[in-house]
Amino acid sequence: MEWRFVWSRGDEHETGRALSREMLRLYRDKAREKRDVPPDIGTVFIGNNGKPMTNGCYFNISHSHGLVACAVAQVPVGIDVEKIRPVPPRLLRILSPAEREYVRCDEDFFRLWTLKEALIKCQGGVLGQVRHVHFRIDGDSVTCTVPGYAFSVLPAPEGYAAALCWENIEEATESEKQK
């Protein structure tokens, strides 16, 4: 799995497309078994749940206020980046009581928010689902109420929060065994 941030010098959507082309090319060149991954964004098709992919290689793009992020992986992946800004009080209602207790500042809120959005983007779901997903952040450890996914709070540039989510088949299998 690979991820990267770049600053946009204009159109964030075009920057995202260019970054994804570059990342797909690098990913293909790094892994012999991925030689069939074409570097052209035009070869992308929509997989399960609306996830963009190209020949078994998944990728996701996010952008916020000039910062663009892209992740590429062999499994479904979601990435989210957000500029830290004042949080409208109505948004705090989507958090669980434990999450609200964790939030001491706007940065804490966006750390949780990017995790929620990265999961939804990884699943190919809709934003309304974030209300039903709850996270616990303890240092570098992130736990979630939805099994089968792994998470990372990314080291974003100052003034931004970012998170990465990817499908974790082993965790999902282990969770099914415990039922």
Foldseek 3Di string as FASTA:
>chain_A
DDKDKDFDPDDQVVVQQVVQLVVQVVVCVVDVVNVVFHSHPVQWDADPLRFIDGPQKGKEWEDEDGMIMMDIDSFQKFKYKYFQDDDDPVVLQLADPVLNVQDPDSQSVQQLVQQLRGVCNSNNHDPVCSSVKYWDDDPQDIDIPDWQKGKGFDPDPPRMTMMMMGGHNVRVVVVVVVD
